[in-house]
């Protein structure tokens, strides 16, 4: 009988230990949920930043028929990294993370152009 009690205790400890390890990975600053929320926040901030600049680029394109040589609004924090007659790529530092958007019609993505 004593052996059965010890076996139950060991199984219980294994279950509790497993649950503790699982919770450690699903909670806290390095958990998948926290990482996903941080990524979403960066993307949302970049969308806001890039959308203001894209309006200026669309105006320049309407006037000149090209994105080459387009001027971005001063102080926007966005850099026109690449420009052709029909496309562009913007870079910005969003809270210490470099983001880029390829356009027209693109969405923010991590990393530079």
N, C-alpha and C. Protein backbone atom coordinates (compact mmCIF):
# COMPACT_ATOMS: atom_id res chain seq x y z
N UNK A 1 0.81 -1.18 0.00
CA UNK A 1 0.00 0.00 0.00
C UNK A 1 0.86 1.25 0.00
N UNK A 2 1.97 1.18 0.74
CA UNK A 2 2.85 2.32 0.82
C UNK A 2 3.44 2.66 -0.55
N UNK A 3 3.73 1.67 -1.36
CA UNK A 3 4.26 1.89 -2.71
C UNK A 3 3.25 2.58 -3.61
N UNK A 4 1.98 2.27 -3.46
CA UNK A 4 0.93 2.91 -4.25
C UNK A 4 0.84 4.39 -3.89
N UNK A 5 0.93 4.71 -2.61
CA UNK A 5 0.89 6.10 -2.17
C UNK A 5 2.06 6.90 -2.73
N UNK A 6 3.24 6.29 -2.75
CA UNK A 6 4.42 6.94 -3.31
C UNK A 6 4.26 7.15 -4.81
N UNK A 7 3.70 6.17 -5.49
CA UNK A 7 3.46 6.28 -6.93
C UNK A 7 2.49 7.42 -7.22
N UNK A 8 1.42 7.53 -6.44
CA UNK A 8 0.44 8.60 -6.62
C UNK A 8 1.11 9.96 -6.39
N UNK A 9 1.96 10.05 -5.39
CA UNK A 9 2.68 11.29 -5.09
C UNK A 9 3.59 11.68 -6.25
N UNK A 10 4.33 10.73 -6.79
CA UNK A 10 5.23 11.01 -7.92
C UNK A 10 4.46 11.46 -9.16
N UNK A 11 3.35 10.79 -9.43
CA UNK A 11 2.53 11.18 -10.58
C UNK A 11 1.97 12.58 -10.38
N UNK A 12 1.52 12.89 -9.17
CA UNK A 12 0.99 14.22 -8.88
C UNK A 12 2.06 15.28 -9.07
N UNK A 13 3.27 15.02 -8.60
CA UNK A 13 4.37 15.97 -8.76
C UNK A 13 4.71 16.17 -10.23
N UNK A 14 4.68 15.11 -10.99
CA UNK A 14 4.96 15.22 -12.43
C UNK A 14 3.91 16.07 -13.13
N UNK A 15 2.66 15.90 -12.79
CA UNK A 15 1.57 16.68 -13.39
C UNK A 15 1.72 18.15 -13.02
N UNK A 16 1.95 18.44 -11.73
CA UNK A 16 2.10 19.82 -11.28
C UNK A 16 3.32 20.46 -11.95
N UNK A 17 4.41 19.73 -12.02
CA UNK A 17 5.61 20.26 -12.69
C UNK A 17 5.37 20.53 -14.16
N UNK A 18 4.67 19.64 -14.82
CA UNK A 18 4.34 19.84 -16.24
C UNK A 18 3.47 21.06 -16.45
N UNK A 19 2.47 21.23 -15.59
CA UNK A 19 1.60 22.40 -15.70
C UNK A 19 2.36 23.70 -15.46
N UNK A 20 3.26 23.68 -14.50
CA UNK A 20 4.06 24.86 -14.20
C UNK A 20 4.94 25.24 -15.39
N UNK A 21 5.56 24.26 -16.02
CA UNK A 21 6.40 24.53 -17.18
C UNK A 21 5.57 25.04 -18.35
N UNK A 22 4.40 24.50 -18.55
CA UNK A 22 3.52 24.94 -19.63
C UNK A 22 3.06 26.37 -19.42
N UNK A 23 2.70 26.70 -18.18
CA UNK A 23 2.26 28.06 -17.89
C UNK A 23 3.39 29.04 -18.08
N UNK A 24 4.59 28.67 -17.75
CA UNK A 24 5.73 29.56 -17.92
C UNK A 24 5.94 29.94 -19.37
N UNK A 25 5.63 29.04 -20.29
CA UNK A 25 5.81 29.32 -21.70
C UNK A 25 4.62 30.04 -22.32
N UNK A 26 3.46 29.98 -21.65
CA UNK A 26 2.27 30.61 -22.23
C UNK A 26 1.97 31.95 -21.58
N UNK A 27 2.76 32.33 -20.60
CA UNK A 27 2.58 33.61 -19.94
C UNK A 27 3.92 34.30 -19.84
N UNK A 28 3.91 35.60 -19.65
CA UNK A 28 5.14 36.35 -19.48
C UNK A 28 5.55 37.05 -20.75
N UNK A 29 6.65 37.82 -20.69
CA UNK A 29 7.04 38.67 -21.81
C UNK A 29 7.54 37.93 -23.04
N UNK A 30 7.93 36.66 -22.90
CA UNK A 30 8.42 35.92 -24.07
C UNK A 30 7.40 34.90 -24.57
N UNK A 31 6.20 34.93 -24.03
CA UNK A 31 5.18 33.98 -24.47
C UNK A 31 4.73 34.30 -25.88
N UNK A 32 4.14 33.35 -26.53
CA UNK A 32 3.65 33.54 -27.90
C UNK A 32 2.61 34.65 -27.96
N UNK A 33 1.73 34.70 -26.97
CA UNK A 33 0.68 35.73 -26.97
C UNK A 33 1.28 37.12 -26.83
N UNK A 34 2.27 37.28 -25.94
CA UNK A 34 2.90 38.59 -25.76
C UNK A 34 3.67 39.00 -27.01
N UNK A 35 4.37 38.06 -27.61
CA UNK A 35 5.12 38.35 -28.83
C UNK A 35 4.17 38.74 -29.96
N UNK A 36 3.05 38.06 -30.07
CA UNK A 36 2.07 38.36 -31.12
C UNK A 36 1.47 39.75 -30.90
N UNK A 37 1.16 40.09 -29.65
CA UNK A 37 0.59 41.41 -29.37
C UNK A 37 1.60 42.52 -29.64
N UNK A 38 2.87 42.28 -29.33
CA UNK A 38 3.91 43.26 -29.61
C UNK A 38 4.05 43.48 -31.12
N UNK A 39 4.01 42.41 -31.87
CA UNK A 39 4.11 42.49 -33.33
C UNK A 39 2.92 43.26 -33.91
N UNK A 40 1.73 43.00 -33.38
CA UNK A 40 0.53 43.70 -33.83
C UNK A 40 0.62 45.19 -33.52
N UNK A 41 1.14 45.54 -32.34
CA UNK A 41 1.29 46.94 -31.97
C UNK A 41 2.28 47.65 -32.89
N UNK A 42 3.39 46.98 -33.22
CA UNK A 42 4.37 47.57 -34.14
C UNK A 42 3.76 47.78 -35.52
N UNK A 43 3.03 46.79 -36.01
CA UNK A 43 2.41 46.89 -37.33
C UNK A 43 1.39 48.02 -37.36
N UNK A 44 0.59 48.15 -36.32
CA UNK A 44 -0.41 49.22 -36.25
C UNK A 44 0.25 50.59 -36.24
N UNK A 45 1.33 50.73 -35.45
CA UNK A 45 2.05 52.00 -35.41
C UNK A 45 2.67 52.32 -36.77
N UNK A 46 3.23 51.31 -37.42
CA UNK A 46 3.84 51.52 -38.74
C UNK A 46 2.78 51.88 -39.77
N UNK A 47 1.62 51.24 -39.72
CA UNK A 47 0.53 51.57 -40.66
C UNK A 47 0.16 53.05 -40.54
N UNK A 48 0.06 53.53 -39.33
CA UNK A 48 -0.29 54.93 -39.10
C UNK A 48 0.79 55.86 -39.65
N UNK A 49 2.05 55.52 -39.40
CA UNK A 49 3.17 56.33 -39.86
C UNK A 49 3.25 56.33 -41.39
N UNK A 50 3.17 55.15 -41.99
CA UNK A 50 3.29 55.05 -43.45
C UNK A 50 2.09 55.66 -44.17
N UNK A 51 0.89 55.56 -43.60
CA UNK A 51 -0.29 56.06 -44.31
C UNK A 51 -0.21 57.56 -44.59
N UNK A 52 0.37 58.31 -43.66
CA UNK A 52 0.53 59.75 -43.88
C UNK A 52 1.48 60.03 -45.05
N UNK A 53 2.54 59.25 -45.13
CA UNK A 53 3.53 59.44 -46.18
C UNK A 53 3.00 58.96 -47.53
N UNK A 54 2.23 57.89 -47.52
CA UNK A 54 1.68 57.34 -48.76
C UNK A 54 0.77 58.37 -49.43
N UNK A 55 0.04 59.14 -48.66
CA UNK A 55 -0.82 60.19 -49.24
C UNK A 55 0.04 61.20 -50.00
N UNK A 56 1.17 61.58 -49.43
CA UNK A 56 2.07 62.52 -50.11
C UNK A 56 2.66 61.88 -51.37
N UNK A 57 3.04 60.61 -51.28
CA UNK A 57 3.59 59.91 -52.45
C UNK A 57 2.55 59.82 -53.57
N UNK A 58 1.31 59.53 -53.20
CA UNK A 58 0.25 59.44 -54.22
C UNK A 58 0.06 60.79 -54.91
N UNK A 59 0.16 61.86 -54.15
CA UNK A 59 0.06 63.20 -54.75
C UNK A 59 1.20 63.48 -55.71
N UNK A 60 2.41 63.11 -55.32
CA UNK A 60 3.58 63.30 -56.20
C UNK A 60 3.43 62.45 -57.47
N UNK A 61 2.95 61.22 -57.31
CA UNK A 61 2.78 60.34 -58.45
C UNK A 61 1.73 60.91 -59.41
N UNK A 62 0.65 61.45 -58.86
CA UNK A 62 -0.40 62.03 -59.70
C UNK A 62 0.14 63.22 -60.50
N UNK A 63 1.03 63.98 -59.90
CA UNK A 63 1.61 65.15 -60.58
C UNK A 63 2.68 64.77 -61.59
N UNK A 64 3.54 63.82 -61.22
CA UNK A 64 4.74 63.55 -62.02
C UNK A 64 4.73 62.22 -62.77
N UNK A 65 3.80 61.33 -62.45
CA UNK A 65 3.75 60.03 -63.12
C UNK A 65 4.87 59.09 -62.72
N UNK A 66 5.54 59.36 -61.60
CA UNK A 66 6.63 58.52 -61.12
C UNK A 66 6.83 58.74 -59.62
N UNK A 67 7.43 57.76 -58.99
CA UNK A 67 7.79 57.91 -57.57
C UNK A 67 9.25 58.37 -57.43
N UNK A 68 10.01 58.30 -58.51
CA UNK A 68 11.41 58.70 -58.49
C UNK A 68 11.49 60.19 -58.15
N UNK A 69 12.31 60.51 -57.16
CA UNK A 69 12.50 61.90 -56.76
C UNK A 69 11.40 62.46 -55.88
N UNK A 70 10.48 61.62 -55.45
CA UNK A 70 9.38 62.09 -54.61
C UNK A 70 9.92 62.61 -53.28
N UNK A 71 9.31 63.67 -52.79
CA UNK A 71 9.71 64.27 -51.52
C UNK A 71 8.71 63.84 -50.44
N UNK A 72 9.23 63.35 -49.34
CA UNK A 72 8.38 62.96 -48.22
C UNK A 72 8.20 64.15 -47.28
N UNK A 73 7.11 64.15 -46.53
CA UNK A 73 6.89 65.25 -45.58
C UNK A 73 8.05 65.35 -44.59
N UNK A 74 8.56 66.55 -44.37
CA UNK A 74 9.67 66.71 -43.41
C UNK A 74 9.24 66.27 -42.01
N UNK A 75 10.16 65.62 -41.32
CA UNK A 75 9.89 65.19 -39.95
C UNK A 75 9.00 63.97 -39.84
N UNK A 76 8.73 63.31 -40.95
CA UNK A 76 7.84 62.14 -40.91
C UNK A 76 8.50 60.94 -40.26
N UNK A 77 9.84 60.90 -40.28
CA UNK A 77 10.54 59.75 -39.74
C UNK A 77 10.57 58.58 -40.70
N UNK A 78 10.11 58.81 -41.92
CA UNK A 78 10.06 57.76 -42.94
C UNK A 78 11.07 58.10 -44.03
N UNK A 79 11.75 57.08 -44.53
CA UNK A 79 12.75 57.25 -45.58
C UNK A 79 12.27 56.54 -46.84
N UNK A 80 12.37 57.22 -47.96
CA UNK A 80 12.07 56.59 -49.26
C UNK A 80 13.33 55.84 -49.67
N UNK A 81 13.37 54.54 -49.37
CA UNK A 81 14.57 53.73 -49.59
C UNK A 81 14.75 53.35 -51.06
N UNK A 82 13.65 53.11 -51.75
CA UNK A 82 13.70 52.72 -53.17
C UNK A 82 12.51 53.36 -53.88
N UNK A 83 12.75 53.80 -55.11
CA UNK A 83 11.66 54.37 -55.90
C UNK A 83 11.90 54.09 -57.38
N UNK A 84 10.84 53.65 -58.05
CA UNK A 84 10.86 53.49 -59.50
C UNK A 84 9.69 54.29 -60.05
N UNK A 85 9.47 54.19 -61.34
CA UNK A 85 8.35 54.92 -61.92
C UNK A 85 7.00 54.38 -61.44
N UNK A 86 6.96 53.13 -60.99
CA UNK A 86 5.67 52.54 -60.61
C UNK A 86 5.61 51.98 -59.19
N UNK A 87 6.71 51.98 -58.45
CA UNK A 87 6.70 51.40 -57.10
C UNK A 87 7.67 52.13 -56.17
N UNK A 88 7.55 51.83 -54.90
CA UNK A 88 8.43 52.42 -53.89
C UNK A 88 8.56 51.48 -52.71
N UNK A 89 9.56 51.74 -51.88
CA UNK A 89 9.71 51.03 -50.62
C UNK A 89 10.12 52.06 -49.57
N UNK A 90 9.36 52.06 -48.47
CA UNK A 90 9.58 53.00 -47.38
C UNK A 90 10.17 52.26 -46.19
N UNK A 91 11.09 52.92 -45.47
CA UNK A 91 11.64 52.40 -44.22
C UNK A 91 11.31 53.35 -43.09
N UNK A 92 11.10 52.81 -41.90
CA UNK A 92 10.90 53.64 -40.71
C UNK A 92 11.33 52.84 -39.49
N UNK A 93 11.80 53.58 -38.49
CA UNK A 93 12.14 52.98 -37.22
C UNK A 93 10.93 53.17 -36.31
N UNK A 94 10.30 52.07 -35.93
CA UNK A 94 9.11 52.11 -35.09
C UNK A 94 9.47 51.51 -33.73
N UNK A 95 9.62 52.35 -32.74
CA UNK A 95 9.97 51.90 -31.39
C UNK A 95 11.20 50.99 -31.37
N UNK A 96 12.20 51.35 -32.15
CA UNK A 96 13.44 50.58 -32.17
C UNK A 96 13.46 49.42 -33.13
N UNK A 97 12.38 49.21 -33.86
CA UNK A 97 12.30 48.12 -34.84
C UNK A 97 12.17 48.71 -36.23
N UNK A 98 13.03 48.30 -37.15
CA UNK A 98 12.95 48.77 -38.53
C UNK A 98 11.81 48.05 -39.22
N UNK A 99 10.92 48.83 -39.82
CA UNK A 99 9.78 48.30 -40.57
C UNK A 99 9.86 48.86 -41.99
N UNK A 100 9.28 48.16 -42.95
CA UNK A 100 9.21 48.69 -44.31
C UNK A 100 7.83 48.41 -44.92
N UNK A 101 7.53 49.20 -45.93
CA UNK A 101 6.30 49.00 -46.69
C UNK A 101 6.62 49.18 -48.16
N UNK A 102 6.26 48.20 -48.97
CA UNK A 102 6.44 48.27 -50.41
C UNK A 102 5.10 48.64 -51.02
N UNK A 103 5.14 49.59 -51.91
CA UNK A 103 3.87 50.06 -52.48
C UNK A 103 3.95 50.29 -53.95
N UNK A 104 2.83 50.66 -54.49
CA UNK A 104 1.60 51.01 -53.76
C UNK A 104 0.81 49.77 -53.33
N UNK A 105 0.03 49.97 -52.29
CA UNK A 105 -0.88 48.94 -51.82
C UNK A 105 -0.29 47.93 -50.86
N UNK A 106 0.92 48.18 -50.36
CA UNK A 106 1.53 47.21 -49.46
C UNK A 106 1.11 47.40 -48.01
N UNK A 107 1.65 46.55 -47.17
CA UNK A 107 1.42 46.60 -45.74
C UNK A 107 2.77 46.58 -45.03
N UNK A 108 2.84 47.13 -43.82
CA UNK A 108 4.10 47.11 -43.08
C UNK A 108 4.59 45.71 -42.78
N UNK A 109 5.92 45.55 -42.89
CA UNK A 109 6.58 44.27 -42.64
C UNK A 109 7.85 44.55 -41.84
N UNK A 110 8.22 43.63 -40.97
CA UNK A 110 9.47 43.77 -40.21
C UNK A 110 10.67 43.77 -41.13
N UNK A 111 11.68 44.55 -40.78
CA UNK A 111 12.94 44.59 -41.51
C UNK A 111 12.97 45.69 -42.54
N UNK A 112 14.18 46.00 -43.02
CA UNK A 112 14.32 47.04 -44.04
C UNK A 112 13.95 46.54 -45.43
N UNK A 113 13.85 47.47 -46.34
CA UNK A 113 13.56 47.13 -47.75
C UNK A 113 14.64 46.23 -48.30
